Amino acid sequence: MSTINPRKKPRGRPPVESEEIRARVQQPLLGRLDEYAEKNNLPRSEAIRRLVEKGLGS
């Protein structure tokens, strides 16, 4: 009998062409960010991406 060794998918998230960044944000600004995210029905991370793009004129 031959043994078949099927390739298993790797665990975790798939690789993406992006880089994780970290930043500290003080409470007054964080509150405004959360208000923006809630108003636009976005998760915080997507709100940050959109605001950065808007600020950079992308």
N, C-alpha and C. Protein backbone atom coordinates (compact mmCIF):
# COMPACT_ATOMS: atom_id res chain seq x y z
N MET A 1 0.83 -1.18 0.00
CA MET A 1 0.00 0.00 0.00
C MET A 1 0.88 1.24 0.00
N SER A 2 0.45 2.21 -0.76
CA SER A 2 1.18 3.48 -0.74
C SER A 2 0.48 4.42 0.23
N THR A 3 1.25 5.24 0.82
CA THR A 3 0.65 6.21 1.74
C THR A 3 0.56 7.57 1.04
N ILE A 4 -0.58 8.14 1.16
CA ILE A 4 -0.79 9.47 0.59
C ILE A 4 -0.68 10.47 1.72
N ASN A 5 0.13 11.45 1.51
CA ASN A 5 0.34 12.46 2.53
C ASN A 5 -0.23 13.79 2.02
N PRO A 6 -1.53 14.00 2.19
CA PRO A 6 -2.12 15.24 1.68
C PRO A 6 -1.57 16.45 2.43
N ARG A 7 -1.40 17.54 1.68
CA ARG A 7 -0.90 18.76 2.30
C ARG A 7 -2.02 19.39 3.12
N LYS A 8 -1.71 19.68 4.34
CA LYS A 8 -2.68 20.33 5.20
C LYS A 8 -2.53 21.84 5.05
N LYS A 9 -3.65 22.52 5.14
CA LYS A 9 -3.61 23.98 5.10
C LYS A 9 -2.94 24.48 6.38
N PRO A 10 -2.12 25.50 6.25
CA PRO A 10 -1.52 26.05 7.47
C PRO A 10 -2.58 26.71 8.34
N ARG A 11 -2.34 26.71 9.62
CA ARG A 11 -3.29 27.31 10.55
C ARG A 11 -3.10 28.82 10.59
N GLY A 12 -4.13 29.49 11.01
CA GLY A 12 -4.05 30.94 11.19
C GLY A 12 -4.52 31.71 9.97
N ARG A 13 -4.28 33.01 10.01
CA ARG A 13 -4.72 33.89 8.94
C ARG A 13 -3.81 33.72 7.73
N PRO A 14 -4.37 33.91 6.54
CA PRO A 14 -3.53 33.82 5.35
C PRO A 14 -2.58 35.02 5.28
N PRO A 15 -1.44 34.85 4.63
CA PRO A 15 -0.50 35.97 4.53
C PRO A 15 -1.09 37.09 3.67
N VAL A 16 -0.82 38.31 4.06
CA VAL A 16 -1.30 39.48 3.32
C VAL A 16 -0.13 40.43 3.09
N GLU A 17 -0.30 41.28 2.09
CA GLU A 17 0.75 42.26 1.80
C GLU A 17 0.48 43.52 2.61
N SER A 18 0.68 43.44 3.88
CA SER A 18 0.51 44.59 4.75
C SER A 18 1.41 44.41 5.97
N GLU A 19 1.51 45.47 6.73
CA GLU A 19 2.36 45.42 7.91
C GLU A 19 1.56 45.93 9.10
N GLU A 20 1.67 45.24 10.20
CA GLU A 20 0.99 45.67 11.41
C GLU A 20 1.74 46.83 12.02
N ILE A 21 1.00 47.86 12.42
CA ILE A 21 1.61 48.98 13.14
C ILE A 21 0.87 49.15 14.45
N ARG A 22 1.56 49.69 15.42
CA ARG A 22 0.95 49.94 16.73
C ARG A 22 1.16 51.40 17.08
N ALA A 23 0.18 51.97 17.73
CA ALA A 23 0.27 53.36 18.15
C ALA A 23 -0.52 53.54 19.44
N ARG A 24 -0.07 54.44 20.25
CA ARG A 24 -0.81 54.80 21.46
C ARG A 24 -1.64 56.03 21.14
N VAL A 25 -2.88 56.00 21.59
CA VAL A 25 -3.80 57.11 21.35
C VAL A 25 -4.42 57.49 22.70
N GLN A 26 -4.33 58.76 23.04
CA GLN A 26 -4.88 59.21 24.32
C GLN A 26 -6.40 59.26 24.27
N GLN A 27 -7.00 59.21 25.43
CA GLN A 27 -8.44 59.04 25.54
C GLN A 27 -9.28 60.05 24.77
N PRO A 28 -9.03 61.34 24.80
CA PRO A 28 -9.93 62.22 24.05
C PRO A 28 -10.00 61.86 22.56
N LEU A 29 -8.85 61.58 21.97
CA LEU A 29 -8.82 61.23 20.55
C LEU A 29 -9.42 59.84 20.32
N LEU A 30 -9.16 58.92 21.23
CA LEU A 30 -9.71 57.57 21.10
C LEU A 30 -11.24 57.61 21.16
N GLY A 31 -11.78 58.45 22.00
CA GLY A 31 -13.23 58.59 22.07
C GLY A 31 -13.81 59.11 20.76
N ARG A 32 -13.13 60.09 20.16
CA ARG A 32 -13.58 60.63 18.87
C ARG A 32 -13.48 59.57 17.78
N LEU A 33 -12.42 58.78 17.83
CA LEU A 33 -12.24 57.70 16.85
C LEU A 33 -13.36 56.68 16.98
N ASP A 34 -13.67 56.29 18.20
CA ASP A 34 -14.75 55.31 18.42
C ASP A 34 -16.11 55.87 17.99
N GLU A 35 -16.34 57.16 18.21
CA GLU A 35 -17.59 57.78 17.75
C GLU A 35 -17.68 57.73 16.23
N TYR A 36 -16.57 58.04 15.55
CA TYR A 36 -16.53 57.99 14.09
C TYR A 36 -16.82 56.57 13.61
N ALA A 37 -16.17 55.59 14.23
CA ALA A 37 -16.35 54.19 13.83
C ALA A 37 -17.80 53.76 14.03
N GLU A 38 -18.38 54.11 15.16
CA GLU A 38 -19.77 53.72 15.43
C GLU A 38 -20.74 54.40 14.47
N LYS A 39 -20.52 55.69 14.22
CA LYS A 39 -21.39 56.45 13.32
C LYS A 39 -21.37 55.86 11.91
N ASN A 40 -20.20 55.36 11.49
CA ASN A 40 -20.04 54.82 10.15
C ASN A 40 -20.14 53.29 10.10
N ASN A 41 -20.53 52.69 11.24
CA ASN A 41 -20.71 51.24 11.34
C ASN A 41 -19.46 50.48 10.89
N LEU A 42 -18.31 50.90 11.45
CA LEU A 42 -17.02 50.31 11.09
C LEU A 42 -16.33 49.78 12.33
N PRO A 43 -15.52 48.74 12.17
CA PRO A 43 -14.64 48.37 13.28
C PRO A 43 -13.56 49.45 13.42
N ARG A 44 -12.99 49.55 14.59
CA ARG A 44 -11.99 50.58 14.85
C ARG A 44 -10.84 50.54 13.84
N SER A 45 -10.35 49.36 13.50
CA SER A 45 -9.21 49.26 12.59
C SER A 45 -9.54 49.82 11.21
N GLU A 46 -10.75 49.55 10.71
CA GLU A 46 -11.14 50.08 9.40
C GLU A 46 -11.33 51.59 9.47
N ALA A 47 -11.85 52.09 10.57
CA ALA A 47 -11.99 53.54 10.74
C ALA A 47 -10.62 54.21 10.69
N ILE A 48 -9.63 53.62 11.34
CA ILE A 48 -8.27 54.17 11.33
C ILE A 48 -7.73 54.18 9.91
N ARG A 49 -7.89 53.06 9.17
CA ARG A 49 -7.40 53.00 7.79
C ARG A 49 -8.02 54.10 6.94
N ARG A 50 -9.33 54.26 7.04
CA ARG A 50 -10.03 55.27 6.23
C ARG A 50 -9.59 56.68 6.59
N LEU A 51 -9.43 56.94 7.88
CA LEU A 51 -9.02 58.28 8.30
C LEU A 51 -7.59 58.58 7.88
N VAL A 52 -6.71 57.59 7.92
CA VAL A 52 -5.33 57.79 7.46
C VAL A 52 -5.33 58.08 5.96
N GLU A 53 -6.08 57.31 5.18
CA GLU A 53 -6.16 57.55 3.74
C GLU A 53 -6.72 58.95 3.45
N LYS A 54 -7.74 59.34 4.19
CA LYS A 54 -8.34 60.66 4.01
C LYS A 54 -7.33 61.75 4.36
N GLY A 55 -6.61 61.58 5.43
CA GLY A 55 -5.62 62.56 5.86
C GLY A 55 -4.45 62.69 4.90
N LEU A 56 -4.10 61.59 4.25
CA LEU A 56 -2.99 61.60 3.29
C LEU A 56 -3.45 61.96 1.89
N GLY A 57 -4.74 62.12 1.72
CA GLY A 57 -5.27 62.50 0.42
C GLY A 57 -5.29 61.38 -0.59
N SER A 58 -5.44 60.16 -0.10
CA SER A 58 -5.45 59.00 -1.02
C SER A 58 -6.84 58.76 -1.55
